Amino acid sequence: MIRRARGGEGGTRVTFCLPVDEPAGTVSVVGDFNDWQPGRHTLVRRSNGMRSVAVNVPSGETVRFRYLGENGVWFDDDAADHDGENGLVTG
């Protein structure tokens, strides 16, 4: 699940959410907004049974991303638009 909200300095706050146990282990979101660097935006367990991380992106800009799980397993967000292998989200 992806949520958008108004962010600071005219940007958009995009929150990436996954169930706490699926997939098991550590997951980070990797994309244009963090120069595709694994581990910079790791999803954190929340009290509502989800895990999430928020990033700020410029309003109106489309960014590409994927999730990276343990053992180098890449996967996509089914709720996102897609451009080839990458998920797309517009700020």
PDB file of N, CA and C in Angstrom:
ATOM      1  N   MET A   1       0.850  -1.172   0.000  1.00  0.00           N
ATOM      2  CA  MET A   1       0.000   0.000   0.000  1.00  0.00           C
ATOM      3  C   MET A   1       0.895   1.234   0.000  1.00  0.00           C
ATOM      4  N   ILE A   2       0.473   2.239  -0.724  1.00  0.00           N
ATOM      5  CA  ILE A   2       1.206   3.494  -0.793  1.00  0.00           C
ATOM      6  C   ILE A   2       0.253   4.619  -0.430  1.00  0.00           C
ATOM      7  N   ARG A   3       0.695   5.487   0.485  1.00  0.00           N
ATOM      8  CA  ARG A   3      -0.112   6.649   0.866  1.00  0.00           C
ATOM      9  C   ARG A   3       0.664   7.912   0.529  1.00  0.00           C
ATOM     10  N   ARG A   4      -0.079   8.951   0.128  1.00  0.00           N
ATOM     11  CA  ARG A   4       0.533  10.242  -0.176  1.00  0.00           C
ATOM     12  C   ARG A   4      -0.083  11.312   0.699  1.00  0.00           C
ATOM     13  N   ALA A   5       0.736  12.268   1.121  1.00  0.00           N
ATOM     14  CA  ALA A   5       0.264  13.412   1.902  1.00  0.00           C
ATOM     15  C   ALA A   5       1.157  14.599   1.562  1.00  0.00           C
ATOM     16  N   ARG A   6       0.656  15.781   1.809  1.00  0.00           N
ATOM     17  CA  ARG A   6       1.464  16.970   1.576  1.00  0.00           C
ATOM     18  C   ARG A   6       2.680  16.931   2.487  1.00  0.00           C
ATOM     19  N   GLY A   7       3.839  17.180   1.908  1.00  0.00           N
ATOM     20  CA  GLY A   7       5.081  17.193   2.673  1.00  0.00           C
ATOM     21  C   GLY A   7       5.592  18.611   2.817  1.00  0.00           C
ATOM     22  N   GLY A   8       6.754  18.743   3.371  1.00  0.00           N
ATOM     23  CA  GLY A   8       7.357  20.057   3.552  1.00  0.00           C
ATOM     24  C   GLY A   8       7.940  20.615   2.263  1.00  0.00           C
ATOM     25  N   GLU A   9       8.076  21.921   2.202  1.00  0.00           N
ATOM     26  CA  GLU A   9       8.689  22.638   1.093  1.00  0.00           C
ATOM     27  C   GLU A   9       8.067  22.301  -0.258  1.00  0.00           C
ATOM     28  N   GLY A  10       6.749  22.140  -0.295  1.00  0.00           N
ATOM     29  CA  GLY A  10       6.047  21.908  -1.551  1.00  0.00           C
ATOM     30  C   GLY A  10       6.168  20.507  -2.100  1.00  0.00           C
ATOM     31  N   GLY A  11       6.694  19.590  -1.313  1.00  0.00           N
ATOM     32  CA  GLY A  11       6.847  18.211  -1.758  1.00  0.00           C
ATOM     33  C   GLY A  11       5.688  17.339  -1.315  1.00  0.00           C
ATOM     34  N   THR A  12       5.819  16.074  -1.590  1.00  0.00           N
ATOM     35  CA  THR A  12       4.825  15.082  -1.198  1.00  0.00           C
ATOM     36  C   THR A  12       5.497  14.029  -0.335  1.00  0.00           C
ATOM     37  N   ARG A  13       4.846  13.685   0.770  1.00  0.00           N
ATOM     38  CA  ARG A  13       5.334  12.622   1.653  1.00  0.00           C
ATOM     39  C   ARG A  13       4.677  11.326   1.174  1.00  0.00           C
ATOM     40  N   VAL A  14       5.486  10.379   0.739  1.00  0.00           N
ATOM     41  CA  VAL A  14       4.998   9.088   0.261  1.00  0.00           C
ATOM     42  C   VAL A  14       5.356   8.042   1.303  1.00  0.00           C
ATOM     43  N   THR A  15       4.342   7.316   1.781  1.00  0.00           N
ATOM     44  CA  THR A  15       4.554   6.274   2.782  1.00  0.00           C
ATOM     45  C   THR A  15       4.338   4.914   2.134  1.00  0.00           C
ATOM     46  N   PHE A  16       5.344   4.065   2.237  1.00  0.00           N
ATOM     47  CA  PHE A  16       5.304   2.709   1.702  1.00  0.00           C
ATOM     48  C   PHE A  16       4.974   1.770   2.855  1.00  0.00           C
ATOM     49  N   CYS A  17       3.950   0.927   2.700  1.00  0.00           N
ATOM     50  CA  CYS A  17       3.486   0.044   3.778  1.00  0.00           C
ATOM     51  C   CYS A  17       3.392  -1.398   3.298  1.00  0.00           C
ATOM     52  N   LEU A  18       3.783  -2.311   4.165  1.00  0.00           N
ATOM     53  CA  LEU A  18       3.655  -3.748   3.919  1.00  0.00           C
ATOM     54  C   LEU A  18       3.193  -4.421   5.208  1.00  0.00           C
ATOM     55  N   PRO A  19       2.566  -5.597   5.106  1.00  0.00           N
ATOM     56  CA  PRO A  19       2.247  -6.354   6.318  1.00  0.00           C
ATOM     57  C   PRO A  19       3.537  -6.658   7.084  1.00  0.00           C
ATOM     58  N   VAL A  20       3.430  -6.747   8.393  1.00  0.00           N
ATOM     59  CA  VAL A  20       4.608  -6.915   9.237  1.00  0.00           C
ATOM     60  C   VAL A  20       5.333  -8.236   8.985  1.00  0.00           C
ATOM     61  N   ASP A  21       4.622  -9.266   8.526  1.00  0.00           N
ATOM     62  CA  ASP A  21       5.239 -10.588   8.402  1.00  0.00           C
ATOM     63  C   ASP A  21       5.330 -11.113   6.976  1.00  0.00           C
ATOM     64  N   GLU A  22       4.989 -10.306   5.999  1.00  0.00           N
ATOM     65  CA  GLU A  22       5.019 -10.784   4.620  1.00  0.00           C
ATOM     66  C   GLU A  22       5.642  -9.745   3.706  1.00  0.00           C
ATOM     67  N   PRO A  23       6.791  -9.999   3.182  1.00  0.00           N
ATOM     68  CA  PRO A  23       7.642 -11.171   3.426  1.00  0.00           C
ATOM     69  C   PRO A  23       8.368 -11.053   4.760  1.00  0.00           C
ATOM     70  N   ALA A  24       8.831 -12.180   5.245  1.00  0.00           N
ATOM     71  CA  ALA A  24       9.544 -12.207   6.518  1.00  0.00           C
ATOM     72  C   ALA A  24      10.887 -11.499   6.387  1.00  0.00           C
ATOM     73  N   GLY A  25      11.347 -10.945   7.491  1.00  0.00           N
ATOM     74  CA  GLY A  25      12.668 -10.333   7.526  1.00  0.00           C
ATOM     75  C   GLY A  25      12.658  -8.856   7.186  1.00  0.00           C
ATOM     76  N   THR A  26      13.850  -8.298   7.101  1.00  0.00           N
ATOM     77  CA  THR A  26      14.038  -6.882   6.833  1.00  0.00           C
ATOM     78  C   THR A  26      13.723  -6.561   5.378  1.00  0.00           C
ATOM     79  N   VAL A  27      13.018  -5.432   5.176  1.00  0.00           N
ATOM     80  CA  VAL A  27      12.690  -4.961   3.824  1.00  0.00           C
ATOM     81  C   VAL A  27      12.999  -3.477   3.757  1.00  0.00           C
ATOM     82  N   SER A  28      13.614  -3.054   2.659  1.00  0.00           N
ATOM     83  CA  SER A  28      13.814  -1.625   2.431  1.00  0.00           C
ATOM     84  C   SER A  28      13.195  -1.259   1.088  1.00  0.00           C
ATOM     85  N   VAL A  29      12.819   0.012   0.967  1.00  0.00           N
ATOM     86  CA  VAL A  29      12.324   0.515  -0.313  1.00  0.00           C
ATOM     87  C   VAL A  29      13.497   1.257  -0.953  1.00  0.00           C
ATOM     88  N   VAL A  30      13.728   0.958  -2.219  1.00  0.00           N
ATOM     89  CA  VAL A  30      14.893   1.454  -2.933  1.00  0.00           C
ATOM     90  C   VAL A  30      14.411   2.074  -4.238  1.00  0.00           C
ATOM     91  N   GLY A  31      14.873   3.293  -4.529  1.00  0.00           N
ATOM     92  CA  GLY A  31      14.393   3.924  -5.754  1.00  0.00           C
ATOM     93  C   GLY A  31      15.148   5.182  -6.123  1.00  0.00           C
ATOM     94  N   ASP A  32      14.550   5.920  -7.064  1.00  0.00           N
ATOM     95  CA  ASP A  32      15.135   7.180  -7.536  1.00  0.00           C
ATOM     96  C   ASP A  32      15.425   8.139  -6.384  1.00  0.00           C
ATOM     97  N   PHE A  33      14.556   8.152  -5.380  1.00  0.00           N
ATOM     98  CA  PHE A  33      14.635   9.123  -4.283  1.00  0.00           C
ATOM     99  C   PHE A  33      15.807   8.872  -3.340  1.00  0.00           C
ATOM    100  N   ASN A  34      16.421   7.675  -3.403  1.00  0.00           N
ATOM    101  CA  ASN A  34      17.587   7.401  -2.557  1.00  0.00           C
ATOM    102  C   ASN A  34      18.751   6.829  -3.363  1.00  0.00           C
ATOM    103  N   ASP A  35      18.763   7.168  -4.650  1.00  0.00           N
ATOM    104  CA  ASP A  35      19.841   6.728  -5.550  1.00  0.00           C
ATOM    105  C   ASP A  35      20.011   5.211  -5.568  1.00  0.00           C
ATOM    106  N   TRP A  36      18.910   4.489  -5.368  1.00  0.00           N
ATOM    107  CA  TRP A  36      18.897   3.029  -5.420  1.00  0.00           C
ATOM    108  C   TRP A  36      19.869   2.415  -4.415  1.00  0.00           C
ATOM    109  N   GLN A  37      19.983   3.041  -3.238  1.00  0.00           N
ATOM    110  CA  GLN A  37      20.868   2.548  -2.187  1.00  0.00           C
ATOM    111  C   GLN A  37      20.091   1.703  -1.182  1.00  0.00           C
ATOM    112  N   PRO A  38      20.296   0.386  -1.157  1.00  0.00           N
ATOM    113  CA  PRO A  38      19.613  -0.483  -0.197  1.00  0.00           C
ATOM    114  C   PRO A  38      19.909  -0.068   1.241  1.00  0.00           C
ATOM    115  N   GLY A  39      18.909  -0.208   2.098  1.00  0.00           N
ATOM    116  CA  GLY A  39      19.072   0.040   3.516  1.00  0.00           C
ATOM    117  C   GLY A  39      18.883   1.478   3.962  1.00  0.00           C
ATOM    118  N   ARG A  40      18.777   2.417   3.038  1.00  0.00           N
ATOM    119  CA  ARG A  40      18.593   3.817   3.437  1.00  0.00           C
ATOM    120  C   ARG A  40      17.173   4.084   3.918  1.00  0.00           C
ATOM    121  N   HIS A  41      16.206   3.325   3.431  1.00  0.00           N
ATOM    122  CA  HIS A  41      14.805   3.492   3.845  1.00  0.00           C
ATOM    123  C   HIS A  41      14.225   2.112   4.186  1.00  0.00           C
ATOM    124  N   THR A  42      14.552   1.644   5.380  1.00  0.00           N
ATOM    125  CA  THR A  42      14.076   0.347   5.861  1.00  0.00           C
ATOM    126  C   THR A  42      12.706   0.499   6.501  1.00  0.00           C
ATOM    127  N   LEU A  43      11.788  -0.399   6.150  1.00  0.00           N
ATOM    128  CA  LEU A  43      10.453  -0.363   6.729  1.00  0.00           C
ATOM    129  C   LEU A  43      10.523  -0.761   8.195  1.00  0.00           C
ATOM    130  N   VAL A  44       9.776  -0.033   9.044  1.00  0.00           N
ATOM    131  CA  VAL A  44       9.788  -0.208  10.490  1.00  0.00           C
ATOM    132  C   VAL A  44       8.437  -0.742  10.947  1.00  0.00           C
ATOM    133  N   ARG A  45       8.464  -1.673  11.876  1.00  0.00           N
ATOM    134  CA  ARG A  45       7.243  -2.272  12.429  1.00  0.00           C
ATOM    135  C   ARG A  45       6.419  -1.218  13.155  1.00  0.00           C
ATOM    136  N   ARG A  46       5.112  -1.204  12.905  1.00  0.00           N
ATOM    137  CA  ARG A  46       4.180  -0.282  13.550  1.00  0.00           C
ATOM    138  C   ARG A  46       3.206  -1.075  14.424  1.00  0.00           C
ATOM    139  N   SER A  47       2.531  -0.405  15.333  1.00  0.00           N
ATOM    140  CA  SER A  47       1.613  -1.070  16.262  1.00  0.00           C
ATOM    141  C   SER A  47       0.337  -1.570  15.575  1.00  0.00           C
ATOM    142  N   ASN A  48       0.060  -1.126  14.356  1.00  0.00           N
ATOM    143  CA  ASN A  48      -1.162  -1.529  13.656  1.00  0.00           C
ATOM    144  C   ASN A  48      -0.991  -2.808  12.839  1.00  0.00           C
ATOM    145  N   GLY A  49       0.130  -3.515  13.007  1.00  0.00           N
ATOM    146  CA  GLY A  49       0.354  -4.761  12.284  1.00  0.00           C
ATOM    147  C   GLY A  49       0.978  -4.561  10.914  1.00  0.00           C
ATOM    148  N   MET A  50       1.404  -3.360  10.635  1.00  0.00           N
ATOM    149  CA  MET A  50       2.063  -3.059   9.369  1.00  0.00           C
ATOM    150  C   MET A  50       3.491  -2.628   9.653  1.00  0.00           C
ATOM    151  N   ARG A  51       4.262  -2.493   8.623  1.00  0.00           N
ATOM    152  CA  ARG A  51       5.563  -1.840   8.705  1.00  0.00           C
ATOM    153  C   ARG A  51       5.610  -0.824   7.577  1.00  0.00           C
ATOM    154  N   SER A  52       6.288   0.275   7.814  1.00  0.00           N
ATOM    155  CA  SER A  52       6.261   1.362   6.838  1.00  0.00           C
ATOM    156  C   SER A  52       7.496   2.238   6.933  1.00  0.00           C
ATOM    157  N   VAL A  53       7.670   3.037   5.900  1.00  0.00           N
ATOM    158  CA  VAL A  53       8.691   4.073   5.868  1.00  0.00           C
ATOM    159  C   VAL A  53       8.166   5.175   4.951  1.00  0.00           C
ATOM    160  N   ALA A  54       8.470   6.420   5.289  1.00  0.00           N
ATOM    161  CA  ALA A  54       8.020   7.563   4.493  1.00  0.00           C
ATOM    162  C   ALA A  54       9.229   8.262   3.877  1.00  0.00           C
ATOM    163  N   VAL A  55       9.047   8.741   2.667  1.00  0.00           N
ATOM    164  CA  VAL A  55      10.077   9.527   1.979  1.00  0.00           C
ATOM    165  C   VAL A  55       9.409  10.771   1.405  1.00  0.00           C
ATOM    166  N   ASN A  56      10.177  11.823   1.253  1.00  0.00           N
ATOM    167  CA  ASN A  56       9.673  13.045   0.629  1.00  0.00           C
ATOM    168  C   ASN A  56      10.159  13.102  -0.804  1.00  0.00           C
ATOM    169  N   VAL A  57       9.230  13.381  -1.717  1.00  0.00           N
ATOM    170  CA  VAL A  57       9.558  13.514  -3.137  1.00  0.00           C
ATOM    171  C   VAL A  57       8.966  14.828  -3.643  1.00  0.00           C
ATOM    172  N   PRO A  58       9.537  15.392  -4.698  1.00  0.00           N
ATOM    173  CA  PRO A  58       8.975  16.614  -5.259  1.00  0.00           C
ATOM    174  C   PRO A  58       7.549  16.385  -5.766  1.00  0.00           C
ATOM    175  N   SER A  59       6.652  17.325  -5.494  1.00  0.00           N
ATOM    176  CA  SER A  59       5.268  17.208  -5.950  1.00  0.00           C
ATOM    177  C   SER A  59       5.228  17.103  -7.467  1.00  0.00           C
ATOM    178  N   GLY A  60       4.409  16.189  -7.960  1.00  0.00           N
ATOM    179  CA  GLY A  60       4.225  16.006  -9.385  1.00  0.00           C
ATOM    180  C   GLY A  60       5.280  15.155 -10.062  1.00  0.00           C
ATOM    181  N   GLU A  61       6.336  14.813  -9.347  1.00  0.00           N
ATOM    182  CA  GLU A  61       7.402  13.999  -9.944  1.00  0.00           C
ATOM    183  C   GLU A  61       7.072  12.521  -9.803  1.00  0.00           C
ATOM    184  N   THR A  62       7.279  11.762 -10.869  1.00  0.00           N
ATOM    185  CA  THR A  62       7.101  10.318 -10.824  1.00  0.00           C
ATOM    186  C   THR A  62       8.432   9.686 -10.484  1.00  0.00           C
ATOM    187  N   VAL A  63       8.427   8.831  -9.477  1.00  0.00           N
ATOM    188  CA  VAL A  63       9.650   8.142  -9.063  1.00  0.00           C
ATOM    189  C   VAL A  63       9.476   6.642  -9.249  1.00  0.00           C
ATOM    190  N   ARG A  64      10.581   5.992  -9.492  1.00  0.00           N
ATOM    191  CA  ARG A  64      10.604   4.539  -9.656  1.00  0.00           C
ATOM    192  C   ARG A  64      11.163   3.918  -8.383  1.00  0.00           C
ATOM    193  N   PHE A  65      10.650   2.735  -8.047  1.00  0.00           N
ATOM    194  CA  PHE A  65      11.102   2.066  -6.820  1.00  0.00           C
ATOM    195  C   PHE A  65      10.848   0.578  -6.901  1.00  0.00           C
ATOM    196  N   ARG A  66      11.506  -0.163  -6.037  1.00  0.00           N
ATOM    197  CA  ARG A  66      11.242  -1.578  -5.784  1.00  0.00           C
ATOM    198  C   ARG A  66      11.530  -1.824  -4.311  1.00  0.00           C
ATOM    199  N   TYR A  67      11.032  -2.936  -3.806  1.00  0.00           N
ATOM    200  CA  TYR A  67      11.358  -3.361  -2.452  1.00  0.00           C
ATOM    201  C   TYR A  67      12.499  -4.371  -2.523  1.00  0.00           C
ATOM    202  N   LEU A  68      13.352  -4.340  -1.505  1.00  0.00           N
ATOM    203  CA  LEU A  68      14.442  -5.310  -1.410  1.00  0.00           C
ATOM    204  C   LEU A  68      14.332  -6.015  -0.073  1.00  0.00           C
ATOM    205  N   GLY A  69      14.097  -7.327  -0.134  1.00  0.00           N
ATOM    206  CA  GLY A  69      13.990  -8.136   1.070  1.00  0.00           C
ATOM    207  C   GLY A  69      15.311  -8.800   1.396  1.00  0.00           C
ATOM    208  N   GLU A  70      15.274  -9.606   2.436  1.00  0.00           N
ATOM    209  CA  GLU A  70      16.478 -10.324   2.855  1.00  0.00           C
ATOM    210  C   GLU A  70      16.962 -11.255   1.749  1.00  0.00           C
ATOM    211  N   ASN A  71      18.243 -11.529   1.783  1.00  0.00           N
ATOM    212  CA  ASN A  71      18.897 -12.418   0.823  1.00  0.00           C
ATOM    213  C   ASN A  71      18.823 -11.906  -0.613  1.00  0.00           C
ATOM    214  N   GLY A  72      18.710 -10.579  -0.771  1.00  0.00           N
ATOM    215  CA  GLY A  72      18.751  -9.980  -2.098  1.00  0.00           C
ATOM    216  C   GLY A  72      17.519 -10.210  -2.949  1.00  0.00           C
ATOM    217  N   VAL A  73      16.381 -10.475  -2.321  1.00  0.00           N
ATOM    218  CA  VAL A  73      15.144 -10.731  -3.057  1.00  0.00           C
ATOM    219  C   VAL A  73      14.436  -9.411  -3.357  1.00  0.00           C
ATOM    220  N   TRP A  74      14.329  -9.081  -4.643  1.00  0.00           N
ATOM    221  CA  TRP A  74      13.627  -7.881  -5.090  1.00  0.00           C
ATOM    222  C   TRP A  74      12.167  -8.219  -5.352  1.00  0.00           C
ATOM    223  N   PHE A  75      11.252  -7.294  -5.016  1.00  0.00           N
ATOM    224  CA  PHE A  75       9.846  -7.509  -5.347  1.00  0.00           C
ATOM    225  C   PHE A  75       9.146  -6.172  -5.515  1.00  0.00           C
ATOM    226  N   ASP A  76       7.954  -6.236  -6.098  1.00  0.00           N
ATOM    227  CA  ASP A  76       7.199  -5.044  -6.461  1.00  0.00           C
ATOM    228  C   ASP A  76       5.982  -4.849  -5.575  1.00  0.00           C
ATOM    229  N   ASP A  77       5.412  -3.677  -5.636  1.00  0.00           N
ATOM    230  CA  ASP A  77       4.164  -3.351  -4.947  1.00  0.00           C
ATOM    231  C   ASP A  77       3.040  -3.486  -5.976  1.00  0.00           C
ATOM    232  N   ASP A  78       2.160  -4.443  -5.765  1.00  0.00           N
ATOM    233  CA  ASP A  78       1.075  -4.684  -6.724  1.00  0.00           C
ATOM    234  C   ASP A  78       0.140  -3.488  -6.869  1.00  0.00           C
ATOM    235  N   ALA A  79       0.096  -2.617  -5.859  1.00  0.00           N
ATOM    236  CA  ALA A  79      -0.807  -1.463  -5.892  1.00  0.00           C
ATOM    237  C   ALA A  79      -0.247  -0.296  -6.704  1.00  0.00           C
ATOM    238  N   ALA A  80       1.037  -0.368  -7.069  1.00  0.00           N
ATOM    239  CA  ALA A  80       1.677   0.737  -7.794  1.00  0.00           C
ATOM    240  C   ALA A  80       1.546   0.545  -9.295  1.00  0.00           C
ATOM    241  N   ASP A  81       1.544   1.653 -10.028  1.00  0.00           N
ATOM    242  CA  ASP A  81       1.682   1.572 -11.467  1.00  0.00           C
ATOM    243  C   ASP A  81       3.070   1.009 -11.742  1.00  0.00           C
ATOM    244  N   HIS A  82       3.275   0.444 -12.928  1.00  0.00           N
ATOM    245  CA  HIS A  82       4.567  -0.154 -13.233  1.00  0.00           C
ATOM    246  C   HIS A  82       5.116   0.326 -14.570  1.00  0.00           C
ATOM    247  N   ASP A  83       6.431   0.415 -14.622  1.00  0.00           N
ATOM    248  CA  ASP A  83       7.174   0.750 -15.826  1.00  0.00           C
ATOM    249  C   ASP A  83       8.238  -0.326 -15.956  1.00  0.00           C
ATOM    250  N   GLY A  84       7.926  -1.376 -16.678  1.00  0.00           N
ATOM    251  CA  GLY A  84       8.839  -2.519 -16.706  1.00  0.00           C
ATOM    252  C   GLY A  84       8.841  -3.172 -15.348  1.00  0.00           C
ATOM    253  N   GLU A  85      10.017  -3.372 -14.770  1.00  0.00           N
ATOM    254  CA  GLU A  85      10.135  -4.032 -13.461  1.00  0.00           C
ATOM    255  C   GLU A  85       9.904  -3.081 -12.309  1.00  0.00           C
ATOM    256  N   ASN A  86       9.985  -1.783 -12.546  1.00  0.00           N
ATOM    257  CA  ASN A  86       9.917  -0.815 -11.458  1.00  0.00           C
ATOM    258  C   ASN A  86       8.507  -0.317 -11.185  1.00  0.00           C
ATOM    259  N   GLY A  87       8.190  -0.186  -9.902  1.00  0.00           N
ATOM    260  CA  GLY A  87       6.945   0.464  -9.525  1.00  0.00           C
ATOM    261  C   GLY A  87       7.083   1.953  -9.735  1.00  0.00           C
ATOM    262  N   LEU A  88       5.984   2.605  -9.993  1.00  0.00           N
ATOM    263  CA  LEU A  88       5.957   4.059 -10.179  1.00  0.00           C
ATOM    264  C   LEU A  88       5.022   4.684  -9.167  1.00  0.00           C
ATOM    265  N   VAL A  89       5.410   5.808  -8.631  1.00  0.00           N
ATOM    266  CA  VAL A  89       4.536   6.580  -7.769  1.00  0.00           C
ATOM    267  C   VAL A  89       4.760   8.052  -8.104  1.00  0.00           C
ATOM    268  N   THR A  90       3.665   8.793  -8.188  1.00  0.00           N
ATOM    269  CA  THR A  90       3.755  10.219  -8.476  1.00  0.00           C
ATOM    270  C   THR A  90       3.535  11.006  -7.203  1.00  0.00           C
ATOM    271  N   GLY A  91       4.473  11.904  -6.921  1.00  0.00           N
ATOM    272  CA  GLY A  91       4.406  12.724  -5.713  1.00  0.00           C
ATOM    273  C   GLY A  91       3.364  13.792  -5.818  1.00  0.00           C
TER     274      GLY A  91
END
